[in-house]
C-alpha atoms as a PDB file:
ATOM      1  CA  MET A   1      37.432  20.199   4.094  1.00  0.00           C
ATOM      2  CA  GLY A   2      34.143  21.324   2.538  1.00  0.00           C
ATOM      3  CA  LYS A   3      32.566  20.451  -0.752  1.00  0.00           C
ATOM      4  CA  THR A   4      33.914  22.230  -3.790  1.00  0.00           C
ATOM      5  CA  LYS A   5      32.012  22.801  -6.974  1.00  0.00           C
ATOM      6  CA  ILE A   6      34.000  22.534 -10.158  1.00  0.00           C
ATOM      7  CA  THR A   7      32.508  24.021 -13.298  1.00  0.00           C
ATOM      8  CA  THR A   8      33.852  23.559 -16.790  1.00  0.00           C
ATOM      9  CA  LYS A   9      32.982  25.502 -19.893  1.00  0.00           C
ATOM     10  CA  SER A  10      32.495  23.645 -23.136  1.00  0.00           C
ATOM     11  CA  THR A  11      33.836  25.236 -26.283  1.00  0.00           C
ATOM     12  CA  GLU A  12      32.287  22.822 -28.759  1.00  0.00           C
ATOM     13  CA  LYS A  13      29.983  24.263 -31.375  1.00  0.00           C
ATOM     14  CA  VAL A  14      27.079  22.400 -32.943  1.00  0.00           C
ATOM     15  CA  SER A  15      27.284  22.472 -36.723  1.00  0.00           C
ATOM     16  CA  LYS A  16      24.250  23.475 -38.765  1.00  0.00           C
ATOM     17  CA  GLU A  17      24.150  20.125 -40.566  1.00  0.00           C
ATOM     18  CA  THR A  18      23.474  18.038 -37.464  1.00  0.00           C
ATOM     19  CA  THR A  19      20.194  18.288 -35.662  1.00  0.00           C
ATOM     20  CA  VAL A  20      19.861  17.430 -32.033  1.00  0.00           C
ATOM     21  CA  LYS A  21      16.784  15.397 -31.084  1.00  0.00           C
ATOM     22  CA  PRO A  22      15.622  15.524 -27.503  1.00  0.00           C
ATOM     23  CA  VAL A  23      15.809  12.120 -25.865  1.00  0.00           C
ATOM     24  CA  LEU A  24      12.479  11.226 -24.333  1.00  0.00           C
ATOM     25  CA  PRO A  25      12.499   8.611 -21.600  1.00  0.00           C
ATOM     26  CA  THR A  26      10.645   5.417 -22.375  1.00  0.00           C
ATOM     27  CA  GLU A  27       8.398   3.453 -20.046  1.00  0.00           C
ATOM     28  CA  GLY A  28      11.166   0.989 -19.208  1.00  0.00           C
ATOM     29  CA  ASP A  29      13.491   3.665 -17.839  1.00  0.00           C
ATOM     30  CA  ALA A  30      13.906   3.990 -14.116  1.00  0.00           C
ATOM     31  CA  GLN A  31      13.555   7.767 -14.364  1.00  0.00           C
ATOM     32  CA  VAL A  32       9.893   7.632 -15.372  1.00  0.00           C
ATOM     33  CA  LYS A  33       7.528   7.191 -12.428  1.00  0.00           C
ATOM     34  CA  ALA A  34       3.778   7.426 -12.574  1.00  0.00           C
ATOM     35  CA  VAL A  35       2.143   9.756 -10.087  1.00  0.00           C
ATOM     36  CA  ALA A  36      -0.570   7.264  -9.216  1.00  0.00           C
ATOM     37  CA  LYS A  37      -0.149   3.670 -10.275  1.00  0.00           C
ATOM     38  CA  THR A  38      -3.615   2.446 -11.133  1.00  0.00           C
ATOM     39  CA  PRO A  39      -4.235  -0.571 -13.305  1.00  0.00           C
ATOM     40  CA  LYS A  40      -5.675   0.094 -16.741  1.00  0.00           C
ATOM     41  CA  LYS A  41      -8.308  -2.617 -16.430  1.00  0.00           C
ATOM     42  CA  LYS A  42     -11.649  -1.998 -14.773  1.00  0.00           C
ATOM     43  CA  VAL A  43     -12.331  -4.149 -11.718  1.00  0.00           C
ATOM     44  CA  THR A  44     -15.889  -4.449 -10.414  1.00  0.00           C
ATOM     45  CA  SER A  45     -15.235  -6.743  -7.444  1.00  0.00           C
ATOM     46  CA  GLY A  46     -12.262  -7.660  -5.315  1.00  0.00           C
ATOM     47  CA  ILE A  47     -10.988  -8.722  -1.905  1.00  0.00           C
ATOM     48  CA  LEU A  48      -9.912  -6.402   0.892  1.00  0.00           C
ATOM     49  CA  PHE A  49      -7.265  -7.826   3.234  1.00  0.00           C
ATOM     50  CA  VAL A  50      -6.974  -6.080   6.622  1.00  0.00           C
ATOM     51  CA  ASP A  51      -3.995  -6.960   8.816  1.00  0.00           C
ATOM     52  CA  ALA A  52      -4.592  -5.324  12.196  1.00  0.00           C
ATOM     53  CA  THR A  53      -1.807  -5.794  14.728  1.00  0.00           C
ATOM     54  CA  PHE A  54      -1.284  -3.966  17.995  1.00  0.00           C
ATOM     55  CA  ASN A  55       1.409  -1.792  16.403  1.00  0.00           C
ATOM     56  CA  ASN A  56       0.141  -1.139  12.868  1.00  0.00           C
ATOM     57  CA  THR A  57      -2.758  -1.622  10.454  1.00  0.00           C
ATOM     58  CA  LYS A  58      -2.043  -2.758   6.904  1.00  0.00           C
ATOM     59  CA  VAL A  59      -4.745  -2.865   4.222  1.00  0.00           C
ATOM     60  CA  LEU A  60      -4.352  -4.541   0.828  1.00  0.00           C
ATOM     61  CA  PHE A  61      -6.848  -4.628  -2.028  1.00  0.00           C
ATOM     62  CA  GLY A  62      -6.690  -7.360  -4.656  1.00  0.00           C
ATOM     63  CA  ASP A  63      -8.847  -8.793  -7.393  1.00  0.00           C
ATOM     64  CA  LYS A  64     -10.872 -12.001  -7.038  1.00  0.00           C
ATOM     65  CA  LEU A  65      -7.843 -14.094  -7.994  1.00  0.00           C
ATOM     66  CA  GLY A  66      -5.809 -12.589  -5.154  1.00  0.00           C
ATOM     67  CA  ASN A  67      -3.509 -10.430  -7.289  1.00  0.00           C
ATOM     68  CA  THR A  68      -2.516  -7.250  -5.463  1.00  0.00           C
ATOM     69  CA  LEU A  69      -3.833  -4.024  -6.980  1.00  0.00           C
ATOM     70  CA  PHE A  70      -2.807  -1.531  -4.283  1.00  0.00           C
ATOM     71  CA  TRP A  71      -2.057  -1.384  -0.573  1.00  0.00           C
ATOM     72  CA  SER A  72      -1.272   1.012   2.244  1.00  0.00           C
ATOM     73  CA  SER A  73      -0.554   1.049   5.959  1.00  0.00           C
ATOM     74  CA  ALA A  74      -0.648   3.482   8.846  1.00  0.00           C
ATOM     75  CA  GLY A  75       3.128   3.820   8.711  1.00  0.00           C
ATOM     76  CA  THR A  76       3.115   4.853   5.046  1.00  0.00           C
ATOM     77  CA  LEU A  77       0.583   7.601   5.794  1.00  0.00           C
ATOM     78  CA  GLY A  78       2.966   9.240   8.257  1.00  0.00           C
ATOM     79  CA  PHE A  79       1.806   7.849  11.584  1.00  0.00           C
ATOM     80  CA  ARG A  80       4.733   6.975  13.845  1.00  0.00           C
ATOM     81  CA  GLY A  81       5.170   4.980  17.028  1.00  0.00           C
ATOM     82  CA  ALA A  82       2.128   4.114  19.087  1.00  0.00           C
ATOM     83  CA  LYS A  83      -0.168   6.198  16.845  1.00  0.00           C
ATOM     84  CA  LYS A  84       0.101   3.580  14.075  1.00  0.00           C
ATOM     85  CA  GLY A  85      -2.035   1.120  16.035  1.00  0.00           C
ATOM     86  CA  THR A  86      -4.911   3.528  16.748  1.00  0.00           C
ATOM     87  CA  PRO A  87      -8.391   3.244  15.220  1.00  0.00           C
ATOM     88  CA  PHE A  88      -8.004   6.741  13.724  1.00  0.00           C
ATOM     89  CA  ALA A  89      -4.931   5.689  11.737  1.00  0.00           C
ATOM     90  CA  ALA A  90      -6.757   2.563  10.552  1.00  0.00           C
ATOM     91  CA  SER A  91      -9.719   4.648   9.372  1.00  0.00           C
ATOM     92  CA  LYS A  92      -7.376   6.881   7.373  1.00  0.00           C
ATOM     93  CA  VAL A  93      -5.830   3.818   5.713  1.00  0.00           C
ATOM     94  CA  GLY A  94      -9.283   2.392   4.891  1.00  0.00           C
ATOM     95  CA  ASP A  95     -10.343   5.777   3.517  1.00  0.00           C
ATOM     96  CA  LEU A  96      -7.346   5.917   1.162  1.00  0.00           C
ATOM     97  CA  ILE A  97      -7.888   2.367  -0.101  1.00  0.00           C
ATOM     98  CA  GLY A  98     -11.627   3.011  -0.532  1.00  0.00           C
ATOM     99  CA  GLU A  99     -10.909   6.120  -2.582  1.00  0.00           C
ATOM    100  CA  LYS A 100      -8.521   4.239  -4.874  1.00  0.00           C
ATOM    101  CA  ALA A 101     -10.990   1.362  -5.242  1.00  0.00           C
ATOM    102  CA  SER A 102     -13.875   3.660  -6.127  1.00  0.00           C
ATOM    103  CA  MET A 103     -11.711   5.372  -8.765  1.00  0.00           C
ATOM    104  CA  LEU A 104     -11.060   1.912 -10.214  1.00  0.00           C
ATOM    105  CA  GLY A 105     -14.795   1.209 -10.477  1.00  0.00           C
ATOM    106  CA  VAL A 106     -15.197  -1.357  -7.686  1.00  0.00           C
ATOM    107  CA  LYS A 107     -18.830  -2.035  -6.734  1.00  0.00           C
ATOM    108  CA  ASP A 108     -18.547  -4.887  -4.211  1.00  0.00           C
ATOM    109  CA  SER A 109     -15.813  -6.537  -2.209  1.00  0.00           C
ATOM    110  CA  GLY A 110     -15.162  -9.347   0.224  1.00  0.00           C
ATOM    111  CA  VAL A 111     -13.124  -8.723   3.368  1.00  0.00           C
ATOM    112  CA  VAL A 112     -10.517 -10.948   5.019  1.00  0.00           C
ATOM    113  CA  VAL A 113      -9.468  -9.708   8.473  1.00  0.00           C
ATOM    114  CA  ARG A 114      -6.331 -10.938  10.195  1.00  0.00           C
ATOM    115  CA  GLY A 115      -5.106  -9.902  13.631  1.00  0.00           C
ATOM    116  CA  VAL A 116      -6.554  -8.671  16.914  1.00  0.00           C
ATOM    117  CA  GLY A 117      -5.626  -4.979  16.762  1.00  0.00           C
ATOM    118  CA  SER A 118      -7.964  -2.068  17.339  1.00  0.00           C
ATOM    119  CA  GLY A 119      -8.028  -1.108  13.645  1.00  0.00           C
ATOM    120  CA  ARG A 120     -10.143  -3.995  12.384  1.00  0.00           C
ATOM    121  CA  GLU A 121     -13.550  -2.334  12.216  1.00  0.00           C
ATOM    122  CA  PRO A 122     -12.526   1.288  11.496  1.00  0.00           C
ATOM    123  CA  ALA A 123     -10.608   0.242   8.375  1.00  0.00           C
ATOM    124  CA  ILE A 124     -13.641  -1.642   7.020  1.00  0.00           C
ATOM    125  CA  ARG A 125     -16.082   1.166   7.889  1.00  0.00           C
ATOM    126  CA  ALA A 126     -13.919   3.779   6.164  1.00  0.00           C
ATOM    127  CA  PHE A 127     -13.653   1.512   3.109  1.00  0.00           C
ATOM    128  CA  MET A 128     -17.450   1.106   3.000  1.00  0.00           C
ATOM    129  CA  ALA A 129     -17.958   4.884   3.173  1.00  0.00           C
ATOM    130  CA  HIS A 130     -17.014   5.163  -0.505  1.00  0.00           C
ATOM    131  CA  GLY A 131     -20.115   3.316  -1.676  1.00  0.00           C
ATOM    132  CA  ILE A 132     -18.572  -0.138  -1.937  1.00  0.00           C
ATOM    133  CA  GLU A 133     -20.783  -3.005  -0.803  1.00  0.00           C
ATOM    134  CA  ILE A 134     -19.237  -5.642   1.468  1.00  0.00           C
ATOM    135  CA  THR A 135     -20.358  -9.129   0.423  1.00  0.00           C
ATOM    136  CA  SER A 136     -18.598 -11.194   3.115  1.00  0.00           C
ATOM    137  CA  ILE A 137     -16.306 -10.771   6.111  1.00  0.00           C
ATOM    138  CA  LYS A 138     -13.942 -13.613   6.996  1.00  0.00           C
ATOM    139  CA  ASP A 139     -11.738 -13.724  10.088  1.00  0.00           C
ATOM    140  CA  ALA A 140      -8.404 -15.392   9.279  1.00  0.00           C
ATOM    141  CA  THR A 141      -6.603 -14.611  12.533  1.00  0.00           C
ATOM    142  CA  PRO A 142      -3.984 -17.303  13.185  1.00  0.00           C
ATOM    143  CA  VAL A 143      -4.764 -19.192  16.398  1.00  0.00           C
ATOM    144  CA  PRO A 144      -2.247 -21.559  18.019  1.00  0.00           C
ATOM    145  CA  HIS A 145      -3.808 -24.977  18.588  1.00  0.00           C
ATOM    146  CA  ASN A 146      -1.115 -26.737  20.603  1.00  0.00           C
ATOM    147  CA  GLY A 147      -0.213 -24.053  23.132  1.00  0.00           C
ATOM    148  CA  PRO A 148       3.152 -22.363  23.617  1.00  0.00           C
ATOM    149  CA  LYS A 149       6.448 -24.220  23.501  1.00  0.00           C
ATOM    150  CA  ALA A 150       7.333 -25.876  26.822  1.00  0.00           C
ATOM    151  CA  LYS A 151      10.272 -24.593  28.836  1.00  0.00           C
ATOM    152  CA  LYS A 152      13.553 -26.461  28.696  1.00  0.00           C
ATOM    153  CA  PRO A 153      14.337 -28.603  31.729  1.00  0.00           C
ATOM    154  CA  ARG A 154      16.517 -26.870  34.304  1.00  0.00           C
ATOM    155  CA  ARG A 155      20.149 -27.971  34.456  1.00  0.00           C
ATOM    156  CA  VAL A 156      21.765 -27.994  37.898  1.00  0.00           C
END
């Protein structure tokens, strides 16, 4: 029951009158993929969003309007399991985003941090290591204000 490979030989000949043009893929084709997707416009300032949970650290960089330019996380860099939530993994994610931002021409950035994981500061420090000035740091961690949901009454 294995796989079988069937080959066929074509006996058609191309006449001298017809010329064969190579078909080049256009930008709209699904076959064409850019190696590094970087926007064509130059961005001098933006916002860095850091989502640091106990299990992972996700970093997103956007322009001042909030449009996403690029993002990465510890899981996409190859960290698996409990290693995704470590400060080392967060610093690697911040380093990658900082490198992409510096290639784009970013000079200054604001930071919005969400979550209570251990990768909050290392991601920001690694981002700053690429010569990008941090203008503001805002903590947007969601905090419950009415406590947890009460238990249902016991039925006997």
